[in-house]
C-alpha atoms as a PDB file:
ATOM      1  CA  MET A   1     -40.069  26.757 -16.067  1.00  0.00           C
ATOM      2  CA  PHE A   2     -39.791  23.074 -16.911  1.00  0.00           C
ATOM      3  CA  GLU A   3     -42.495  20.964 -15.272  1.00  0.00           C
ATOM      4  CA  THR A   4     -42.412  17.222 -14.769  1.00  0.00           C
ATOM      5  CA  PRO A   5     -44.904  15.546 -17.139  1.00  0.00           C
ATOM      6  CA  LYS A   6     -47.875  14.095 -15.290  1.00  0.00           C
ATOM      7  CA  TRP A   7     -47.282  10.635 -16.736  1.00  0.00           C
ATOM      8  CA  LEU A   8     -43.918  10.504 -14.939  1.00  0.00           C
ATOM      9  CA  GLY A   9     -45.641  10.963 -11.579  1.00  0.00           C
ATOM     10  CA  ARG A  10     -44.768  13.348  -8.785  1.00  0.00           C
ATOM     11  CA  ALA A  11     -41.796  11.454  -7.315  1.00  0.00           C
ATOM     12  CA  ARG A  12     -38.406  13.111  -7.771  1.00  0.00           C
ATOM     13  CA  ASN A  13     -34.989  11.509  -8.032  1.00  0.00           C
ATOM     14  CA  VAL A  14     -33.274  14.199  -5.931  1.00  0.00           C
ATOM     15  CA  ALA A  15     -34.662  17.215  -4.103  1.00  0.00           C
ATOM     16  CA  LEU A  16     -33.248  20.423  -5.585  1.00  0.00           C
ATOM     17  CA  LYS A  17     -33.814  24.144  -5.420  1.00  0.00           C
ATOM     18  CA  PRO A  18     -32.382  26.990  -7.522  1.00  0.00           C
ATOM     19  CA  VAL A  19     -29.045  28.497  -6.524  1.00  0.00           C
ATOM     20  CA  GLY A  20     -29.160  32.219  -5.891  1.00  0.00           C
ATOM     21  CA  LYS A  21     -26.354  34.403  -7.149  1.00  0.00           C
ATOM     22  CA  VAL A  22     -23.712  32.526  -9.181  1.00  0.00           C
ATOM     23  CA  SER A  23     -20.165  33.904  -9.332  1.00  0.00           C
ATOM     24  CA  SER A  24     -18.582  34.819 -12.637  1.00  0.00           C
ATOM     25  CA  PHE A  25     -15.967  32.100 -12.189  1.00  0.00           C
ATOM     26  CA  ARG A  26     -18.656  29.479 -11.606  1.00  0.00           C
ATOM     27  CA  LYS A  27     -20.368  30.521 -14.854  1.00  0.00           C
ATOM     28  CA  LEU A  28     -17.018  30.410 -16.653  1.00  0.00           C
ATOM     29  CA  ALA A  29     -16.287  26.963 -15.204  1.00  0.00           C
ATOM     30  CA  MET A  30     -19.655  25.587 -16.312  1.00  0.00           C
ATOM     31  CA  GLY A  31     -19.052  26.978 -19.773  1.00  0.00           C
ATOM     32  CA  THR A  32     -15.585  25.423 -19.923  1.00  0.00           C
ATOM     33  CA  TRP A  33     -15.974  21.832 -18.692  1.00  0.00           C
ATOM     34  CA  ASP A  34     -18.420  19.000 -19.326  1.00  0.00           C
ATOM     35  CA  ASP A  35     -19.564  16.458 -16.733  1.00  0.00           C
ATOM     36  CA  PRO A  36     -16.616  14.402 -15.375  1.00  0.00           C
ATOM     37  CA  ARG A  37     -15.774  11.491 -17.651  1.00  0.00           C
ATOM     38  CA  ASP A  38     -12.032  11.240 -17.000  1.00  0.00           C
ATOM     39  CA  PRO A  39     -10.875   7.863 -15.584  1.00  0.00           C
ATOM     40  CA  GLN A  40      -7.603   9.162 -14.105  1.00  0.00           C
ATOM     41  CA  ILE A  41      -6.849   8.477 -10.450  1.00  0.00           C
ATOM     42  CA  TYR A  42      -3.827   9.739  -8.563  1.00  0.00           C
ATOM     43  CA  GLY A  43      -1.693   8.566  -5.672  1.00  0.00           C
ATOM     44  CA  THR A  44       1.740   8.996  -4.127  1.00  0.00           C
ATOM     45  CA  LEU A  45       3.990   6.197  -2.897  1.00  0.00           C
ATOM     46  CA  THR A  46       6.508   7.538  -0.368  1.00  0.00           C
ATOM     47  CA  LEU A  47       9.675   5.446  -0.093  1.00  0.00           C
ATOM     48  CA  ARG A  48      12.609   5.324   2.282  1.00  0.00           C
ATOM     49  CA  MET A  49      15.644   5.770   0.048  1.00  0.00           C
ATOM     50  CA  GLU A  50      18.706   5.091   2.230  1.00  0.00           C
ATOM     51  CA  ASN A  51      19.239   1.562   0.858  1.00  0.00           C
ATOM     52  CA  ALA A  52      18.579   2.543  -2.759  1.00  0.00           C
ATOM     53  CA  LEU A  53      20.985   5.475  -2.586  1.00  0.00           C
ATOM     54  CA  ALA A  54      23.656   3.287  -1.008  1.00  0.00           C
ATOM     55  CA  TYR A  55      23.129   0.699  -3.761  1.00  0.00           C
ATOM     56  CA  ILE A  56      23.492   3.374  -6.450  1.00  0.00           C
ATOM     57  CA  GLU A  57      26.644   4.785  -4.840  1.00  0.00           C
ATOM     58  CA  ASP A  58      28.228   1.328  -4.490  1.00  0.00           C
ATOM     59  CA  TYR A  59      27.288   0.469  -8.072  1.00  0.00           C
ATOM     60  CA  ARG A  60      28.864   3.665  -9.419  1.00  0.00           C
ATOM     61  CA  ARG A  61      32.005   3.153  -7.351  1.00  0.00           C
ATOM     62  CA  ALA A  62      32.376  -0.461  -8.470  1.00  0.00           C
ATOM     63  CA  THR A  63      31.635   0.014 -12.170  1.00  0.00           C
ATOM     64  CA  GLY A  64      32.181   3.660 -13.051  1.00  0.00           C
ATOM     65  CA  ARG A  65      28.689   3.579 -14.585  1.00  0.00           C
ATOM     66  CA  ARG A  66      26.031   6.227 -13.817  1.00  0.00           C
ATOM     67  CA  LEU A  67      23.217   4.188 -12.354  1.00  0.00           C
ATOM     68  CA  THR A  68      20.302   6.430 -11.284  1.00  0.00           C
ATOM     69  CA  VAL A  69      17.028   6.300  -9.401  1.00  0.00           C
ATOM     70  CA  THR A  70      15.228   6.267 -12.770  1.00  0.00           C
ATOM     71  CA  HIS A  71      16.797   2.922 -13.681  1.00  0.00           C
ATOM     72  CA  LEU A  72      15.762   1.391 -10.365  1.00  0.00           C
ATOM     73  CA  VAL A  73      12.184   2.696 -10.554  1.00  0.00           C
ATOM     74  CA  ALA A  74      11.778   1.472 -14.144  1.00  0.00           C
ATOM     75  CA  LYS A  75      13.019  -1.988 -13.232  1.00  0.00           C
ATOM     76  CA  ALA A  76      10.832  -2.033 -10.101  1.00  0.00           C
ATOM     77  CA  VAL A  77       7.640  -1.067 -11.947  1.00  0.00           C
ATOM     78  CA  ALA A  78       8.415  -3.653 -14.637  1.00  0.00           C
ATOM     79  CA  GLN A  79       8.736  -6.315 -11.943  1.00  0.00           C
ATOM     80  CA  ALA A  80       5.461  -5.112 -10.417  1.00  0.00           C
ATOM     81  CA  LEU A  81       3.621  -5.355 -13.749  1.00  0.00           C
ATOM     82  CA  ALA A  82       4.997  -8.849 -14.266  1.00  0.00           C
ATOM     83  CA  GLU A  83       3.728  -9.887 -10.817  1.00  0.00           C
ATOM     84  CA  VAL A  84       0.317  -8.230 -11.317  1.00  0.00           C
ATOM     85  CA  PRO A  85      -0.188  -8.999 -15.032  1.00  0.00           C
ATOM     86  CA  GLU A  86      -3.815  -7.860 -15.213  1.00  0.00           C
ATOM     87  CA  THR A  87      -2.562  -4.271 -14.815  1.00  0.00           C
ATOM     88  CA  ASN A  88      -0.319  -4.629 -17.882  1.00  0.00           C
ATOM     89  CA  ALA A  89      -3.210  -3.965 -20.214  1.00  0.00           C
ATOM     90  CA  LEU A  90      -4.943  -1.589 -22.601  1.00  0.00           C
ATOM     91  CA  ILE A  91      -8.470  -0.957 -23.833  1.00  0.00           C
ATOM     92  CA  ARG A  92      -9.273  -2.242 -27.321  1.00  0.00           C
ATOM     93  CA  ARG A  93     -12.822  -2.140 -28.703  1.00  0.00           C
ATOM     94  CA  ASN A  94     -14.074  -1.242 -25.228  1.00  0.00           C
ATOM     95  CA  ARG A  95     -12.587  -4.396 -23.719  1.00  0.00           C
ATOM     96  CA  PRO A  96      -9.439  -4.814 -21.590  1.00  0.00           C
ATOM     97  CA  GLN A  97      -6.646  -6.668 -23.368  1.00  0.00           C
ATOM     98  CA  GLN A  98      -3.513  -7.864 -21.562  1.00  0.00           C
ATOM     99  CA  ARG A  99      -0.085  -7.156 -23.020  1.00  0.00           C
ATOM    100  CA  GLU A 100       2.178 -10.173 -23.391  1.00  0.00           C
ATOM    101  CA  ASP A 101       5.376  -8.203 -22.717  1.00  0.00           C
ATOM    102  CA  VAL A 102       6.341  -5.559 -20.151  1.00  0.00           C
ATOM    103  CA  SER A 103       7.815  -2.393 -21.651  1.00  0.00           C
ATOM    104  CA  VAL A 104       8.672   0.980 -20.117  1.00  0.00           C
ATOM    105  CA  PHE A 105       8.725   4.374 -21.836  1.00  0.00           C
ATOM    106  CA  PHE A 106      11.163   6.975 -20.494  1.00  0.00           C
ATOM    107  CA  SER A 107      10.556  10.705 -20.953  1.00  0.00           C
ATOM    108  CA  ILE A 108      13.715  12.411 -22.206  1.00  0.00           C
ATOM    109  CA  ALA A 109      14.354  16.157 -22.196  1.00  0.00           C
ATOM    110  CA  THR A 110      15.971  17.454 -25.387  1.00  0.00           C
ATOM    111  CA  GLU A 111      17.154  20.856 -26.581  1.00  0.00           C
ATOM    112  CA  ASP A 112      16.680  22.362 -30.011  1.00  0.00           C
ATOM    113  CA  PRO A 113      20.202  22.939 -31.400  1.00  0.00           C
ATOM    114  CA  ASP A 114      19.109  26.108 -33.202  1.00  0.00           C
ATOM    115  CA  THR A 115      16.813  27.813 -30.695  1.00  0.00           C
ATOM    116  CA  GLY A 116      17.857  26.198 -27.423  1.00  0.00           C
ATOM    117  CA  GLU A 117      14.190  25.515 -26.700  1.00  0.00           C
ATOM    118  CA  ILE A 118      13.544  22.599 -24.331  1.00  0.00           C
ATOM    119  CA  ASP A 119      11.389  19.807 -25.727  1.00  0.00           C
ATOM    120  CA  LEU A 120      10.250  16.415 -24.483  1.00  0.00           C
ATOM    121  CA  SER A 121      10.890  13.194 -26.314  1.00  0.00           C
ATOM    122  CA  GLY A 122      11.324   9.654 -25.125  1.00  0.00           C
ATOM    123  CA  ALA A 123      12.390   6.080 -25.648  1.00  0.00           C
ATOM    124  CA  LYS A 124      10.817   2.703 -24.926  1.00  0.00           C
ATOM    125  CA  LEU A 125      12.623  -0.381 -23.652  1.00  0.00           C
ATOM    126  CA  ASP A 126      11.009  -3.779 -24.161  1.00  0.00           C
ATOM    127  CA  GLN A 127      10.917  -6.739 -21.764  1.00  0.00           C
ATOM    128  CA  VAL A 128      12.316  -4.670 -18.907  1.00  0.00           C
ATOM    129  CA  ASP A 129      11.068  -7.221 -16.375  1.00  0.00           C
ATOM    130  CA  ARG A 130      13.483  -9.784 -17.883  1.00  0.00           C
ATOM    131  CA  MET A 131      16.481  -7.444 -18.068  1.00  0.00           C
ATOM    132  CA  ASP A 132      19.316  -7.179 -15.553  1.00  0.00           C
ATOM    133  CA  ILE A 133      19.818  -3.723 -14.097  1.00  0.00           C
ATOM    134  CA  ALA A 134      23.062  -3.486 -16.122  1.00  0.00           C
ATOM    135  CA  ASP A 135      21.079  -4.206 -19.300  1.00  0.00           C
ATOM    136  CA  VAL A 136      18.549  -1.494 -18.409  1.00  0.00           C
ATOM    137  CA  LEU A 137      21.391   0.976 -17.870  1.00  0.00           C
ATOM    138  CA  ASP A 138      23.066   0.081 -21.189  1.00  0.00           C
ATOM    139  CA  ALA A 139      19.841   0.152 -23.206  1.00  0.00           C
ATOM    140  CA  LEU A 140      18.665   3.464 -21.787  1.00  0.00           C
ATOM    141  CA  GLU A 141      22.069   5.109 -22.288  1.00  0.00           C
ATOM    142  CA  ASP A 142      22.009   4.066 -25.954  1.00  0.00           C
ATOM    143  CA  ALA A 143      18.434   5.292 -26.371  1.00  0.00           C
ATOM    144  CA  VAL A 144      19.099   8.683 -24.737  1.00  0.00           C
ATOM    145  CA  ARG A 145      22.203   9.180 -26.856  1.00  0.00           C
ATOM    146  CA  SER A 146      20.276   8.330 -30.025  1.00  0.00           C
ATOM    147  CA  VAL A 147      17.359  10.666 -29.176  1.00  0.00           C
ATOM    148  CA  ARG A 148      19.478  13.650 -28.124  1.00  0.00           C
ATOM    149  CA  SER A 149      21.866  13.351 -31.057  1.00  0.00           C
ATOM    150  CA  GLY A 150      19.016  13.165 -33.563  1.00  0.00           C
ATOM    151  CA  GLU A 151      20.082   9.695 -34.711  1.00  0.00           C
ATOM    152  CA  ASP A 152      16.678   8.118 -34.042  1.00  0.00           C
ATOM    153  CA  GLU A 153      15.144   8.298 -37.504  1.00  0.00           C
ATOM    154  CA  ALA A 154      11.589   7.466 -36.400  1.00  0.00           C
ATOM    155  CA  ILE A 155      11.535  10.240 -33.802  1.00  0.00           C
ATOM    156  CA  GLU A 156      13.083  12.769 -36.167  1.00  0.00           C
ATOM    157  CA  ARG A 157      10.574  11.878 -38.874  1.00  0.00           C
ATOM    158  CA  SER A 158       7.710  12.259 -36.397  1.00  0.00           C
ATOM    159  CA  LYS A 159       9.024  15.620 -35.208  1.00  0.00           C
ATOM    160  CA  GLY A 160       9.184  16.852 -38.786  1.00  0.00           C
ATOM    161  CA  ILE A 161       5.600  15.780 -39.483  1.00  0.00           C
ATOM    162  CA  PHE A 162       4.227  17.370 -36.303  1.00  0.00           C
ATOM    163  CA  ALA A 163       6.198  20.582 -36.836  1.00  0.00           C
ATOM    164  CA  SER A 164       4.675  21.054 -40.274  1.00  0.00           C
ATOM    165  CA  LEU A 165       1.060  20.420 -39.247  1.00  0.00           C
ATOM    166  CA  PRO A 166      -1.372  23.155 -38.206  1.00  0.00           C
ATOM    167  CA  PHE A 167      -2.636  22.998 -34.617  1.00  0.00           C
ATOM    168  CA  ALA A 168      -6.133  22.076 -35.771  1.00  0.00           C
ATOM    169  CA  ALA A 169      -4.829  18.884 -37.381  1.00  0.00           C
ATOM    170  CA  MET A 170      -2.952  17.571 -34.338  1.00  0.00           C
ATOM    171  CA  ARG A 171      -5.820  15.975 -32.434  1.00  0.00           C
ATOM    172  CA  PRO A 172      -7.389  14.241 -35.465  1.00  0.00           C
ATOM    173  CA  LEU A 173      -3.963  12.902 -36.469  1.00  0.00           C
ATOM    174  CA  LEU A 174      -3.139  11.584 -32.996  1.00  0.00           C
ATOM    175  CA  ASN A 175      -6.571   9.983 -32.733  1.00  0.00           C
ATOM    176  CA  ALA A 176      -6.100   8.369 -36.144  1.00  0.00           C
ATOM    177  CA  ILE A 177      -2.687   7.023 -35.160  1.00  0.00           C
ATOM    178  CA  SER A 178      -4.073   5.624 -31.912  1.00  0.00           C
ATOM    179  CA  LEU A 179      -6.977   4.007 -33.758  1.00  0.00           C
ATOM    180  CA  GLY A 180      -4.633   2.433 -36.299  1.00  0.00           C
ATOM    181  CA  LEU A 181      -2.088   1.137 -33.780  1.00  0.00           C
ATOM    182  CA  TYR A 182      -4.429  -0.017 -31.041  1.00  0.00           C
ATOM    183  CA  GLY A 183      -8.039  -0.018 -32.224  1.00  0.00           C
ATOM    184  CA  LEU A 184      -7.272  -1.805 -35.501  1.00  0.00           C
ATOM    185  CA  ASP A 185      -3.989  -3.430 -34.345  1.00  0.00           C
ATOM    186  CA  LEU A 186      -2.110  -2.397 -37.493  1.00  0.00           C
ATOM    187  CA  ASP A 187       1.648  -2.637 -38.018  1.00  0.00           C
ATOM    188  CA  LEU A 188       2.536   0.917 -39.058  1.00  0.00           C
ATOM    189  CA  THR A 189       6.329   0.580 -38.931  1.00  0.00           C
ATOM    190  CA  ARG A 190       6.466   1.277 -42.679  1.00  0.00           C
ATOM    191  CA  LEU A 191       5.114   4.732 -41.856  1.00  0.00           C
ATOM    192  CA  GLY A 192       7.832   5.293 -39.263  1.00  0.00           C
ATOM    193  CA  LEU A 193       5.631   4.444 -36.263  1.00  0.00           C
ATOM    194  CA  PRO A 194       7.158   1.838 -33.922  1.00  0.00           C
ATOM    195  CA  LYS A 195       5.036  -0.948 -32.501  1.00  0.00           C
ATOM    196  CA  ASP A 196       3.291  -0.044 -29.231  1.00  0.00           C
ATOM    197  CA  PRO A 197       5.430   3.126 -28.967  1.00  0.00           C
ATOM    198  CA  PHE A 198       4.630   3.984 -25.333  1.00  0.00           C
ATOM    199  CA  GLY A 199       4.359   0.522 -23.837  1.00  0.00           C
ATOM    200  CA  SER A 200       3.114  -0.653 -20.454  1.00  0.00           C
ATOM    201  CA  ALA A 201       4.159   2.291 -18.264  1.00  0.00           C
ATOM    202  CA  ILE A 202       5.677   5.752 -18.621  1.00  0.00           C
ATOM    203  CA  VAL A 203       8.393   6.936 -16.212  1.00  0.00           C
ATOM    204  CA  THR A 204       9.397  10.588 -15.988  1.00  0.00           C
ATOM    205  CA  ASN A 205      11.973  11.921 -13.522  1.00  0.00           C
ATOM    206  CA  ILE A 206      10.683  15.257 -12.229  1.00  0.00           C
ATOM    207  CA  GLY A 207      13.318  15.132  -9.498  1.00  0.00           C
ATOM    208  CA  SER A 208      15.957  15.961 -12.100  1.00  0.00           C
ATOM    209  CA  LEU A 209      14.131  19.296 -12.490  1.00  0.00           C
ATOM    210  CA  GLY A 210      14.267  19.920  -8.747  1.00  0.00           C
ATOM    211  CA  LEU A 211      10.619  18.987  -8.189  1.00  0.00           C
ATOM    212  CA  SER A 212       9.605  16.742  -5.315  1.00  0.00           C
ATOM    213  CA  GLU A 213       5.934  16.398  -6.236  1.00  0.00           C
ATOM    214  CA  ALA A 214       3.849  16.641  -9.408  1.00  0.00           C
ATOM    215  CA  TYR A 215       1.216  14.611 -11.240  1.00  0.00           C
ATOM    216  CA  ALA A 216       1.367  14.198 -14.997  1.00  0.00           C
ATOM    217  CA  PRO A 217      -1.692  13.502 -17.169  1.00  0.00           C
ATOM    218  CA  LEU A 218      -2.274  10.313 -19.089  1.00  0.00           C
ATOM    219  CA  MET A 219      -2.329  10.859 -22.850  1.00  0.00           C
ATOM    220  CA  ALA A 220      -5.285   9.131 -24.461  1.00  0.00           C
ATOM    221  CA  TYR A 221      -3.508   8.211 -27.691  1.00  0.00           C
ATOM    222  CA  THR A 222      -0.702   6.339 -25.863  1.00  0.00           C
ATOM    223  CA  ARG A 223      -3.056   3.656 -24.437  1.00  0.00           C
ATOM    224  CA  THR A 224      -0.685   3.466 -21.442  1.00  0.00           C
ATOM    225  CA  PRO A 225      -2.535   3.095 -18.112  1.00  0.00           C
ATOM    226  CA  ILE A 226       0.326   3.983 -15.745  1.00  0.00           C
ATOM    227  CA  LEU A 227       2.444   7.135 -15.564  1.00  0.00           C
ATOM    228  CA  LEU A 228       4.975   7.529 -12.750  1.00  0.00           C
ATOM    229  CA  ALA A 229       6.544  10.902 -11.928  1.00  0.00           C
ATOM    230  CA  VAL A 230       9.644  10.270  -9.824  1.00  0.00           C
ATOM    231  CA  GLY A 231      10.296  13.110  -7.384  1.00  0.00           C
ATOM    232  CA  ALA A 232      13.530  14.381  -5.869  1.00  0.00           C
ATOM    233  CA  VAL A 233      14.989  12.665  -2.812  1.00  0.00           C
ATOM    234  CA  ARG A 234      14.570  14.905   0.212  1.00  0.00           C
ATOM    235  CA  ASP A 235      15.576  14.924   3.870  1.00  0.00           C
ATOM    236  CA  GLU A 236      12.652  14.511   6.252  1.00  0.00           C
ATOM    237  CA  PRO A 237      12.073  13.366   9.823  1.00  0.00           C
ATOM    238  CA  VAL A 238      10.804   9.781   9.928  1.00  0.00           C
ATOM    239  CA  VAL A 239       9.640   7.486  12.716  1.00  0.00           C
ATOM    240  CA  GLU A 240      11.889   4.486  13.298  1.00  0.00           C
ATOM    241  CA  ASP A 241      11.308   2.081  16.190  1.00  0.00           C
ATOM    242  CA  GLY A 242       9.163   4.701  17.880  1.00  0.00           C
ATOM    243  CA  ARG A 243      11.799   7.429  17.551  1.00  0.00           C
ATOM    244  CA  VAL A 244      11.915  10.405  15.208  1.00  0.00           C
ATOM    245  CA  VAL A 245      15.147  10.266  13.203  1.00  0.00           C
ATOM    246  CA  PRO A 246      16.513  11.958  10.052  1.00  0.00           C
ATOM    247  CA  GLY A 247      15.584  10.104   6.889  1.00  0.00           C
ATOM    248  CA  LYS A 248      15.804  10.299   3.120  1.00  0.00           C
ATOM    249  CA  VAL A 249      12.480   9.858   1.343  1.00  0.00           C
ATOM    250  CA  MET A 250      11.208  10.068  -2.215  1.00  0.00           C
ATOM    251  CA  GLY A 251       7.739  10.207  -3.691  1.00  0.00           C
ATOM    252  CA  ILE A 252       6.614   8.323  -6.777  1.00  0.00           C
ATOM    253  CA  HIS A 253       3.523  10.148  -8.005  1.00  0.00           C
ATOM    254  CA  ALA A 254       1.255   7.885 -10.021  1.00  0.00           C
ATOM    255  CA  THR A 255      -1.480   8.654 -12.515  1.00  0.00           C
ATOM    256  CA  LEU A 256      -3.549   5.551 -13.272  1.00  0.00           C
ATOM    257  CA  ASP A 257      -6.350   4.591 -15.646  1.00  0.00           C
ATOM    258  CA  HIS A 258      -9.200   3.574 -13.329  1.00  0.00           C
ATOM    259  CA  ARG A 259     -10.805   1.508 -16.092  1.00  0.00           C
ATOM    260  CA  LEU A 260      -7.928  -0.968 -15.758  1.00  0.00           C
ATOM    261  CA  ILE A 261      -6.451  -0.361 -12.303  1.00  0.00           C
ATOM    262  CA  ASP A 262      -8.380  -0.074  -9.059  1.00  0.00           C
ATOM    263  CA  GLY A 263      -7.315   0.391  -5.443  1.00  0.00           C
ATOM    264  CA  LYS A 264      -6.477  -3.270  -4.932  1.00  0.00           C
ATOM    265  CA  HIS A 265      -4.257  -3.312  -8.014  1.00  0.00           C
ATOM    266  CA  ALA A 266      -2.539  -0.105  -6.905  1.00  0.00           C
ATOM    267  CA  ALA A 267      -1.834  -1.626  -3.489  1.00  0.00           C
ATOM    268  CA  LEU A 268      -0.309  -4.752  -5.048  1.00  0.00           C
ATOM    269  CA  LEU A 269       1.857  -2.718  -7.426  1.00  0.00           C
ATOM    270  CA  SER A 270       2.966  -0.433  -4.583  1.00  0.00           C
ATOM    271  CA  ARG A 271       3.974  -3.413  -2.485  1.00  0.00           C
ATOM    272  CA  VAL A 272       6.270  -4.802  -5.182  1.00  0.00           C
ATOM    273  CA  ILE A 273       7.835  -1.407  -5.944  1.00  0.00           C
ATOM    274  CA  THR A 274       8.398  -0.671  -2.233  1.00  0.00           C
ATOM    275  CA  ARG A 275       9.992  -4.066  -1.671  1.00  0.00           C
ATOM    276  CA  ALA A 276      12.345  -3.559  -4.614  1.00  0.00           C
ATOM    277  CA  MET A 277      13.386   0.005  -3.791  1.00  0.00           C
ATOM    278  CA  GLU A 278      13.924  -0.638  -0.079  1.00  0.00           C
ATOM    279  CA  ASP A 279      15.823  -3.914  -0.634  1.00  0.00           C
ATOM    280  CA  PRO A 280      17.630  -3.259  -3.932  1.00  0.00           C
ATOM    281  CA  ALA A 281      20.327  -5.899  -3.456  1.00  0.00           C
ATOM    282  CA  THR A 282      17.678  -8.626  -3.473  1.00  0.00           C
ATOM    283  CA  ALA A 283      15.533  -7.064  -6.206  1.00  0.00           C
ATOM    284  CA  PHE A 284      18.231  -5.950  -8.625  1.00  0.00           C
ATOM    285  CA  GLY A 285      21.055  -8.396  -7.928  1.00  0.00           C
ATOM    286  CA  VAL A 286      24.680  -8.240  -6.913  1.00  0.00           C
ATOM    287  CA  ILE A 287      26.740  -5.167  -7.695  1.00  0.00           C
ATOM    288  CA  PRO A 288      29.184  -6.032 -10.472  1.00  0.00           C
ATOM    289  CA  SER A 289      32.898  -5.481 -10.272  1.00  0.00           C
ATOM    290  CA  ARG A 290      34.516  -3.189 -12.818  1.00  0.00           C
ATOM    291  CA  GLY A 291      34.691  -4.942 -16.163  1.00  0.00           C
ATOM    292  CA  ALA A 292      32.500  -7.921 -15.186  1.00  0.00           C
ATOM    293  CA  THR A 293      30.339  -9.398 -17.929  1.00  0.00           C
ATOM    294  CA  VAL A 294      26.619 -10.008 -17.676  1.00  0.00           C
ATOM    295  CA  SER A 295      27.125 -13.800 -17.660  1.00  0.00           C
ATOM    296  CA  GLU A 296      29.624 -13.475 -14.797  1.00  0.00           C
ATOM    297  CA  LEU A 297      27.101 -11.375 -12.830  1.00  0.00           C
ATOM    298  CA  LYS A 298      24.359 -13.944 -13.348  1.00  0.00           C
ATOM    299  CA  GLU A 299      26.704 -16.718 -12.206  1.00  0.00           C
ATOM    300  CA  ALA A 300      27.642 -14.717  -9.100  1.00  0.00           C
ATOM    301  CA  ALA A 301      23.975 -14.009  -8.317  1.00  0.00           C
ATOM    302  CA  SER A 302      23.083 -17.705  -8.535  1.00  0.00           C
END
C-alpha cells in the first residue's frame, strides 16, 4: 500500500477510504474514459413560436419562397453574435481570438446516388448578420443545391480524399488541417480547403428529422464554439396572463465551448435570439411582395 512520505507531513488533502465491491460496468468505465477535460456545456432555449410561424406563412404566401425556421434561427444567432462579439471567437495558440466577421455553417443531409446512404455535409454563409432574410434564403438555397447536386468542387474533392483514407489516418489528418487553418493561420484554398470552413456557429435542424430534442457534440477541428440543434415545433400547454392555454413551442439545443462562452454570455445570446424569434417583423424586416427587389424592401423598411 502506498504511504505518504514523512517529509510531506501527516495532513491529507481529502479524507478517503477504499471502495468495497466495484461493479463490472464501473471497472469498464474507468478503463474507457480519462478524467474530464471536455469544455462543452449544454443548454436549451425554449421559444414561443406563434409569431415566427405566422411570419413564415405570410412570407411564403407573399413571395412563393420557402422560408423556414432554419433561416430565422441562423439570422437570429448571427445578430446575437454581432451584439455579443466576444463570443464570436476561437482559440489560437491557447489564447482567445475574436473573428472579424459573423458566419454560419448549415448542416445539410445528402444521399449517395449509388447506394442511397444518408450522409451529412454542409455549407457556410459569410456575414450573415449583415444579410437581409431574403439574402439568407437565396444564398442557402444556392448552397444546398450545389452540395446535393455534387457541383461544389471543394466538398467533392474532400469527400474523395476522406473516402480513400484508412480510418487510422482520419484523426491525424483532421488535426493537421485544423493546425494549418487555425493554429498557423494558413490559406489552404489551393489545396481545396475554404477559409474558416465552419465559421462562427453551426446550425443543424433536427426538427426536420422529427426530433424535438437532441444535443450535438462540438468537433475540435472546426474551432467553432457554438452548435445549435433546432428542434421540431410542438404543441404544449403554456401559461399566459396567469391562464394555461394551448401554445406552440420550439427548443434550440445549444452546445457551447466553455473556454469562450460562460453563463453570462449564454444569457445575452439567448436574449437576442428570443427577441428576434418572438418579434420577427422587427428583427427580420417587412415581408416582401411577390417580385419585390432587395432595394425596394430596404426602402420600405426604412
